[in-house]
Amino acid sequence: MAECITCEEEYSDKRLELGYRTCLDCGQVDAVSIINARNKQTLAEIAPRLASGEFKDSENQTGWDSEPQIEHEGNK
């Protein structure tokens, strides 16, 4: 059995043959952190002003009211 380089638990030799040096649990943790970093980078490239926090806590960026005002005609 192969030994995980992160947690030192044993895992399948077939997984090692595929090139993985970590168990499934440690591999999942690594994969999630890589995915989150890539998503953050992609979002920064798509919308750099939003990713930098430039619009954070700012009001009315679209120029529209947050709640549309509807005039009702009818009985009072």
PDB file of N, CA and C in Angstrom:
ATOM      1  N   MET A   1       0.841  -1.187   0.000  1.00  0.00           N
ATOM      2  CA  MET A   1       0.000   0.000   0.000  1.00  0.00           C
ATOM      3  C   MET A   1       0.884   1.248   0.000  1.00  0.00           C
ATOM      4  N   ALA A   2       0.397   2.256  -0.731  1.00  0.00           N
ATOM      5  CA  ALA A   2       1.101   3.530  -0.797  1.00  0.00           C
ATOM      6  C   ALA A   2       0.745   4.369   0.424  1.00  0.00           C
ATOM      7  N   GLU A   3       1.599   5.339   0.748  1.00  0.00           N
ATOM      8  CA  GLU A   3       1.368   6.194   1.903  1.00  0.00           C
ATOM      9  C   GLU A   3       1.192   7.639   1.453  1.00  0.00           C
ATOM     10  N   CYS A   4       0.130   8.273   1.934  1.00  0.00           N
ATOM     11  CA  CYS A   4      -0.192   9.659   1.600  1.00  0.00           C
ATOM     12  C   CYS A   4       0.911  10.580   2.111  1.00  0.00           C
ATOM     13  N   ILE A   5       1.342  11.516   1.267  1.00  0.00           N
ATOM     14  CA  ILE A   5       2.405  12.439   1.687  1.00  0.00           C
ATOM     15  C   ILE A   5       1.892  13.521   2.628  1.00  0.00           C
ATOM     16  N   THR A   6       0.574  13.674   2.722  1.00  0.00           N
ATOM     17  CA  THR A   6      -0.002  14.702   3.586  1.00  0.00           C
ATOM     18  C   THR A   6      -0.351  14.162   4.965  1.00  0.00           C
ATOM     19  N   CYS A   7      -1.145  13.086   4.986  1.00  0.00           N
ATOM     20  CA  CYS A   7      -1.638  12.590   6.277  1.00  0.00           C
ATOM     21  C   CYS A   7      -0.989  11.264   6.696  1.00  0.00           C
ATOM     22  N   GLU A   8      -0.163  10.711   5.845  1.00  0.00           N
ATOM     23  CA  GLU A   8       0.576   9.468   6.095  1.00  0.00           C
ATOM     24  C   GLU A   8      -0.321   8.239   6.257  1.00  0.00           C
ATOM     25  N   GLU A   9      -1.565   8.330   5.777  1.00  0.00           N
ATOM     26  CA  GLU A   9      -2.464   7.172   5.757  1.00  0.00           C
ATOM     27  C   GLU A   9      -2.173   6.352   4.503  1.00  0.00           C
ATOM     28  N   GLU A  10      -2.507   5.086   4.558  1.00  0.00           N
ATOM     29  CA  GLU A  10      -2.301   4.235   3.396  1.00  0.00           C
ATOM     30  C   GLU A  10      -3.462   4.377   2.420  1.00  0.00           C
ATOM     31  N   TYR A  11      -3.145   4.272   1.130  1.00  0.00           N
ATOM     32  CA  TYR A  11      -4.162   4.303   0.088  1.00  0.00           C
ATOM     33  C   TYR A  11      -3.759   3.330  -1.013  1.00  0.00           C
ATOM     34  N   SER A  12      -4.623   3.121  -1.962  1.00  0.00           N
ATOM     35  CA  SER A  12      -4.451   2.110  -2.991  1.00  0.00           C
ATOM     36  C   SER A  12      -3.213   2.355  -3.857  1.00  0.00           C
ATOM     37  N   ASP A  13      -2.507   1.263  -4.169  1.00  0.00           N
ATOM     38  CA  ASP A  13      -1.352   1.358  -5.062  1.00  0.00           C
ATOM     39  C   ASP A  13      -1.771   1.766  -6.473  1.00  0.00           C
ATOM     40  N   LYS A  14      -2.989   1.430  -6.854  1.00  0.00           N
ATOM     41  CA  LYS A  14      -3.474   1.823  -8.179  1.00  0.00           C
ATOM     42  C   LYS A  14      -3.562   3.341  -8.288  1.00  0.00           C
ATOM     43  N   ARG A  15      -3.920   3.983  -7.214  1.00  0.00           N
ATOM     44  CA  ARG A  15      -3.961   5.456  -7.209  1.00  0.00           C
ATOM     45  C   ARG A  15      -2.556   6.022  -7.386  1.00  0.00           C
ATOM     46  N   LEU A  16      -1.575   5.398  -6.747  1.00  0.00           N
ATOM     47  CA  LEU A  16      -0.187   5.825  -6.908  1.00  0.00           C
ATOM     48  C   LEU A  16       0.281   5.619  -8.344  1.00  0.00           C
ATOM     49  N   GLU A  17      -0.117   4.512  -8.957  1.00  0.00           N
ATOM     50  CA  GLU A  17       0.242   4.247 -10.351  1.00  0.00           C
ATOM     51  C   GLU A  17      -0.306   5.317 -11.288  1.00  0.00           C
ATOM     52  N   LEU A  18      -1.432   5.907 -10.920  1.00  0.00           N
ATOM     53  CA  LEU A  18      -2.011   6.986 -11.720  1.00  0.00           C
ATOM     54  C   LEU A  18      -1.294   8.318 -11.502  1.00  0.00           C
ATOM     55  N   GLY A  19      -0.383   8.353 -10.529  1.00  0.00           N
ATOM     56  CA  GLY A  19       0.398   9.562 -10.298  1.00  0.00           C
ATOM     57  C   GLY A  19      -0.019  10.376  -9.092  1.00  0.00           C
ATOM     58  N   TYR A  20      -1.017   9.894  -8.364  1.00  0.00           N
ATOM     59  CA  TYR A  20      -1.478  10.619  -7.183  1.00  0.00           C
ATOM     60  C   TYR A  20      -0.641  10.204  -5.979  1.00  0.00           C
ATOM     61  N   ARG A  21      -0.124  11.183  -5.254  1.00  0.00           N
ATOM     62  CA  ARG A  21       0.701  10.886  -4.088  1.00  0.00           C
ATOM     63  C   ARG A  21      -0.033  11.158  -2.777  1.00  0.00           C
ATOM     64  N   THR A  22      -1.344  11.418  -2.903  1.00  0.00           N
ATOM     65  CA  THR A  22      -2.163  11.664  -1.718  1.00  0.00           C
ATOM     66  C   THR A  22      -3.361  10.725  -1.722  1.00  0.00           C
ATOM     67  N   CYS A  23      -3.965  10.529  -0.548  1.00  0.00           N
ATOM     68  CA  CYS A  23      -5.185   9.737  -0.442  1.00  0.00           C
ATOM     69  C   CYS A  23      -6.341  10.544  -1.037  1.00  0.00           C
ATOM     70  N   LEU A  24      -7.494   9.927  -1.163  1.00  0.00           N
ATOM     71  CA  LEU A  24      -8.654  10.615  -1.740  1.00  0.00           C
ATOM     72  C   LEU A  24      -9.073  11.838  -0.939  1.00  0.00           C
ATOM     73  N   ASP A  25      -9.072  11.725   0.386  1.00  0.00           N
ATOM     74  CA  ASP A  25      -9.497  12.850   1.228  1.00  0.00           C
ATOM     75  C   ASP A  25      -8.569  14.048   1.076  1.00  0.00           C
ATOM     76  N   CYS A  26      -7.258  13.813   1.156  1.00  0.00           N
ATOM     77  CA  CYS A  26      -6.292  14.915   1.020  1.00  0.00           C
ATOM     78  C   CYS A  26      -6.303  15.463  -0.406  1.00  0.00           C
ATOM     79  N   GLY A  27      -6.482  14.583  -1.379  1.00  0.00           N
ATOM     80  CA  GLY A  27      -6.580  15.025  -2.770  1.00  0.00           C
ATOM     81  C   GLY A  27      -7.778  15.919  -2.990  1.00  0.00           C
ATOM     82  N   GLN A  28      -8.896  15.605  -2.338  1.00  0.00           N
ATOM     83  CA  GLN A  28     -10.106  16.421  -2.452  1.00  0.00           C
ATOM     84  C   GLN A  28      -9.873  17.816  -1.875  1.00  0.00           C
ATOM     85  N   VAL A  29      -9.223  17.888  -0.738  1.00  0.00           N
ATOM     86  CA  VAL A  29      -8.937  19.184  -0.104  1.00  0.00           C
ATOM     87  C   VAL A  29      -8.058  20.028  -1.027  1.00  0.00           C
ATOM     88  N   ASP A  30      -7.029  19.419  -1.597  1.00  0.00           N
ATOM     89  CA  ASP A  30      -6.150  20.136  -2.522  1.00  0.00           C
ATOM     90  C   ASP A  30      -6.904  20.600  -3.762  1.00  0.00           C
ATOM     91  N   ALA A  31      -7.753  19.719  -4.297  1.00  0.00           N
ATOM     92  CA  ALA A  31      -8.504  20.055  -5.499  1.00  0.00           C
ATOM     93  C   ALA A  31      -9.445  21.228  -5.262  1.00  0.00           C
ATOM     94  N   VAL A  32     -10.118  21.247  -4.143  1.00  0.00           N
ATOM     95  CA  VAL A  32     -11.051  22.340  -3.834  1.00  0.00           C
ATOM     96  C   VAL A  32     -10.307  23.668  -3.712  1.00  0.00           C
ATOM     97  N   SER A  33      -9.150  23.666  -3.071  1.00  0.00           N
ATOM     98  CA  SER A  33      -8.399  24.916  -2.928  1.00  0.00           C
ATOM     99  C   SER A  33      -7.885  25.408  -4.286  1.00  0.00           C
ATOM    100  N   ILE A  34      -7.485  24.496  -5.153  1.00  0.00           N
ATOM    101  CA  ILE A  34      -7.039  24.887  -6.493  1.00  0.00           C
ATOM    102  C   ILE A  34      -8.204  25.436  -7.303  1.00  0.00           C
ATOM    103  N   ILE A  35      -9.351  24.781  -7.241  1.00  0.00           N
ATOM    104  CA  ILE A  35     -10.536  25.236  -7.969  1.00  0.00           C
ATOM    105  C   ILE A  35     -10.943  26.626  -7.498  1.00  0.00           C
ATOM    106  N   ASN A  36     -10.951  26.859  -6.198  1.00  0.00           N
ATOM    107  CA  ASN A  36     -11.322  28.175  -5.670  1.00  0.00           C
ATOM    108  C   ASN A  36     -10.357  29.262  -6.132  1.00  0.00           C
ATOM    109  N   ALA A  37      -9.068  28.960  -6.144  1.00  0.00           N
ATOM    110  CA  ALA A  37      -8.077  29.938  -6.599  1.00  0.00           C
ATOM    111  C   ALA A  37      -8.257  30.250  -8.078  1.00  0.00           C
ATOM    112  N   ARG A  38      -8.507  29.220  -8.888  1.00  0.00           N
ATOM    113  CA  ARG A  38      -8.711  29.437 -10.323  1.00  0.00           C
ATOM    114  C   ARG A  38      -9.986  30.235 -10.573  1.00  0.00           C
ATOM    115  N   ASN A  39     -11.055  29.926  -9.837  1.00  0.00           N
ATOM    116  CA  ASN A  39     -12.295  30.681  -9.997  1.00  0.00           C
ATOM    117  C   ASN A  39     -12.112  32.145  -9.634  1.00  0.00           C
ATOM    118  N   LYS A  40     -11.388  32.411  -8.570  1.00  0.00           N
ATOM    119  CA  LYS A  40     -11.129  33.790  -8.145  1.00  0.00           C
ATOM    120  C   LYS A  40     -10.338  34.534  -9.216  1.00  0.00           C
ATOM    121  N   GLN A  41      -9.341  33.880  -9.793  1.00  0.00           N
ATOM    122  CA  GLN A  41      -8.536  34.502 -10.840  1.00  0.00           C
ATOM    123  C   GLN A  41      -9.375  34.770 -12.084  1.00  0.00           C
ATOM    124  N   THR A  42     -10.206  33.812 -12.469  1.00  0.00           N
ATOM    125  CA  THR A  42     -11.060  33.981 -13.643  1.00  0.00           C
ATOM    126  C   THR A  42     -12.036  35.124 -13.440  1.00  0.00           C
ATOM    127  N   LEU A  43     -12.640  35.201 -12.261  1.00  0.00           N
ATOM    128  CA  LEU A  43     -13.561  36.299 -11.981  1.00  0.00           C
ATOM    129  C   LEU A  43     -12.856  37.642 -11.995  1.00  0.00           C
ATOM    130  N   ALA A  44     -11.618  37.676 -11.522  1.00  0.00           N
ATOM    131  CA  ALA A  44     -10.849  38.923 -11.533  1.00  0.00           C
ATOM    132  C   ALA A  44     -10.553  39.367 -12.965  1.00  0.00           C
ATOM    133  N   GLU A  45     -10.355  38.399 -13.859  1.00  0.00           N
ATOM    134  CA  GLU A  45     -10.101  38.741 -15.260  1.00  0.00           C
ATOM    135  C   GLU A  45     -11.374  39.202 -15.958  1.00  0.00           C
ATOM    136  N   ILE A  46     -12.504  38.600 -15.601  1.00  0.00           N
ATOM    137  CA  ILE A  46     -13.772  38.953 -16.232  1.00  0.00           C
ATOM    138  C   ILE A  46     -14.266  40.309 -15.740  1.00  0.00           C
ATOM    139  N   ALA A  47     -14.222  40.521 -14.451  1.00  0.00           N
ATOM    140  CA  ALA A  47     -14.751  41.744 -13.850  1.00  0.00           C
ATOM    141  C   ALA A  47     -13.741  42.285 -12.841  1.00  0.00           C
ATOM    142  N   PRO A  48     -12.662  42.898 -13.308  1.00  0.00           N
ATOM    143  CA  PRO A  48     -11.609  43.339 -12.384  1.00  0.00           C
ATOM    144  C   PRO A  48     -12.074  44.357 -11.353  1.00  0.00           C
ATOM    145  N   ARG A  49     -13.016  45.219 -11.697  1.00  0.00           N
ATOM    146  CA  ARG A  49     -13.476  46.216 -10.739  1.00  0.00           C
ATOM    147  C   ARG A  49     -14.280  45.575  -9.619  1.00  0.00           C
ATOM    148  N   LEU A  50     -15.067  44.550  -9.953  1.00  0.00           N
ATOM    149  CA  LEU A  50     -15.854  43.868  -8.931  1.00  0.00           C
ATOM    150  C   LEU A  50     -14.959  43.029  -8.031  1.00  0.00           C
ATOM    151  N   ALA A  51     -13.972  42.363  -8.610  1.00  0.00           N
ATOM    152  CA  ALA A  51     -13.085  41.500  -7.836  1.00  0.00           C
ATOM    153  C   ALA A  51     -12.222  42.304  -6.877  1.00  0.00           C
ATOM    154  N   SER A  52     -11.897  43.536  -7.245  1.00  0.00           N
ATOM    155  CA  SER A  52     -11.056  44.360  -6.381  1.00  0.00           C
ATOM    156  C   SER A  52     -11.843  44.953  -5.226  1.00  0.00           C
ATOM    157  N   GLY A  53     -13.164  44.841  -5.269  1.00  0.00           N
ATOM    158  CA  GLY A  53     -13.995  45.373  -4.196  1.00  0.00           C
ATOM    159  C   GLY A  53     -14.341  46.832  -4.392  1.00  0.00           C
ATOM    160  N   GLU A  54     -14.106  47.368  -5.595  1.00  0.00           N
ATOM    161  CA  GLU A  54     -14.350  48.780  -5.857  1.00  0.00           C
ATOM    162  C   GLU A  54     -15.811  49.159  -5.647  1.00  0.00           C
ATOM    163  N   PHE A  55     -16.729  48.242  -5.982  1.00  0.00           N
ATOM    164  CA  PHE A  55     -18.140  48.542  -5.839  1.00  0.00           C
ATOM    165  C   PHE A  55     -18.693  48.134  -4.490  1.00  0.00           C
ATOM    166  N   LYS A  56     -17.885  47.644  -3.623  1.00  0.00           N
ATOM    167  CA  LYS A  56     -18.352  47.164  -2.332  1.00  0.00           C
ATOM    168  C   LYS A  56     -18.957  48.322  -1.531  1.00  0.00           C
ATOM    169  N   ASP A  57     -20.105  48.076  -0.997  1.00  0.00           N
ATOM    170  CA  ASP A  57     -20.825  49.032  -0.154  1.00  0.00           C
ATOM    171  C   ASP A  57     -21.159  50.345  -0.864  1.00  0.00           C
ATOM    172  N   SER A  58     -21.105  50.361  -2.163  1.00  0.00           N
ATOM    173  CA  SER A  58     -21.506  51.580  -2.857  1.00  0.00           C
ATOM    174  C   SER A  58     -22.980  51.482  -3.190  1.00  0.00           C
ATOM    175  N   GLU A  59     -23.620  52.628  -3.288  1.00  0.00           N
ATOM    176  CA  GLU A  59     -25.059  52.644  -3.500  1.00  0.00           C
ATOM    177  C   GLU A  59     -25.382  52.960  -4.951  1.00  0.00           C
ATOM    178  N   ASN A  60     -26.408  52.290  -5.439  1.00  0.00           N
ATOM    179  CA  ASN A  60     -27.029  52.648  -6.700  1.00  0.00           C
ATOM    180  C   ASN A  60     -26.043  52.726  -7.858  1.00  0.00           C
ATOM    181  N   GLN A  61     -25.303  51.685  -8.122  1.00  0.00           N
ATOM    182  CA  GLN A  61     -24.327  51.673  -9.203  1.00  0.00           C
ATOM    183  C   GLN A  61     -24.973  51.709 -10.580  1.00  0.00           C
ATOM    184  N   THR A  62     -26.182  51.227 -10.704  1.00  0.00           N
ATOM    185  CA  THR A  62     -26.846  51.183 -11.997  1.00  0.00           C
ATOM    186  C   THR A  62     -27.569  52.479 -12.318  1.00  0.00           C
ATOM    187  N   GLY A  63     -27.777  53.323 -11.323  1.00  0.00           N
ATOM    188  CA  GLY A  63     -28.537  54.535 -11.526  1.00  0.00           C
ATOM    189  C   GLY A  63     -30.027  54.310 -11.349  1.00  0.00           C
ATOM    190  N   TRP A  64     -30.408  53.085 -11.040  1.00  0.00           N
ATOM    191  CA  TRP A  64     -31.805  52.762 -10.817  1.00  0.00           C
ATOM    192  C   TRP A  64     -32.094  52.771  -9.337  1.00  0.00           C
ATOM    193  N   ASP A  65     -33.332  53.050  -9.019  1.00  0.00           N
ATOM    194  CA  ASP A  65     -33.739  52.958  -7.622  1.00  0.00           C
ATOM    195  C   ASP A  65     -33.716  51.504  -7.195  1.00  0.00           C
ATOM    196  N   SER A  66     -33.401  51.271  -5.941  1.00  0.00           N
ATOM    197  CA  SER A  66     -33.372  49.901  -5.455  1.00  0.00           C
ATOM    198  C   SER A  66     -34.760  49.282  -5.461  1.00  0.00           C
ATOM    199  N   GLU A  67     -35.793  50.087  -5.245  1.00  0.00           N
ATOM    200  CA  GLU A  67     -37.169  49.611  -5.308  1.00  0.00           C
ATOM    201  C   GLU A  67     -37.920  50.480  -6.296  1.00  0.00           C
ATOM    202  N   PRO A  68     -38.433  49.879  -7.353  1.00  0.00           N
ATOM    203  CA  PRO A  68     -39.145  50.698  -8.343  1.00  0.00           C
ATOM    204  C   PRO A  68     -40.395  51.321  -7.741  1.00  0.00           C
ATOM    205  N   GLN A  69     -40.651  52.534  -8.129  1.00  0.00           N
ATOM    206  CA  GLN A  69     -41.823  53.236  -7.633  1.00  0.00           C
ATOM    207  C   GLN A  69     -42.936  53.070  -8.660  1.00  0.00           C
ATOM    208  N   ILE A  70     -44.013  52.481  -8.240  1.00  0.00           N
ATOM    209  CA  ILE A  70     -45.134  52.220  -9.134  1.00  0.00           C
ATOM    210  C   ILE A  70     -46.303  53.092  -8.695  1.00  0.00           C
ATOM    211  N   GLU A  71     -46.786  53.856  -9.635  1.00  0.00           N
ATOM    212  CA  GLU A  71     -47.918  54.709  -9.340  1.00  0.00           C
ATOM    213  C   GLU A  71     -49.186  53.913  -9.604  1.00  0.00           C
ATOM    214  N   HIS A  72     -50.065  53.891  -8.627  1.00  0.00           N
ATOM    215  CA  HIS A  72     -51.325  53.160  -8.760  1.00  0.00           C
ATOM    216  C   HIS A  72     -52.450  54.149  -9.017  1.00  0.00           C
ATOM    217  N   GLU A  73     -53.216  53.886 -10.044  1.00  0.00           N
ATOM    218  CA  GLU A  73     -54.390  54.697 -10.296  1.00  0.00           C
ATOM    219  C   GLU A  73     -55.594  53.879  -9.876  1.00  0.00           C
ATOM    220  N   GLY A  74     -56.438  54.459  -9.124  1.00  0.00           N
ATOM    221  CA  GLY A  74     -57.608  53.701  -8.708  1.00  0.00           C
ATOM    222  C   GLY A  74     -58.318  54.419  -7.573  1.00  0.00           C
ATOM    223  N   ASN A  75     -59.148  53.683  -6.870  1.00  0.00           N
ATOM    224  CA  ASN A  75     -59.905  54.252  -5.763  1.00  0.00           C
ATOM    225  C   ASN A  75     -59.020  54.532  -4.577  1.00  0.00           C
ATOM    226  N   LYS A  76     -59.275  55.667  -3.945  1.00  0.00           N
ATOM    227  CA  LYS A  76     -58.484  56.038  -2.763  1.00  0.00           C
ATOM    228  C   LYS A  76     -59.170  55.628  -1.526  1.00  0.00           C
TER     229      LYS A  76
END
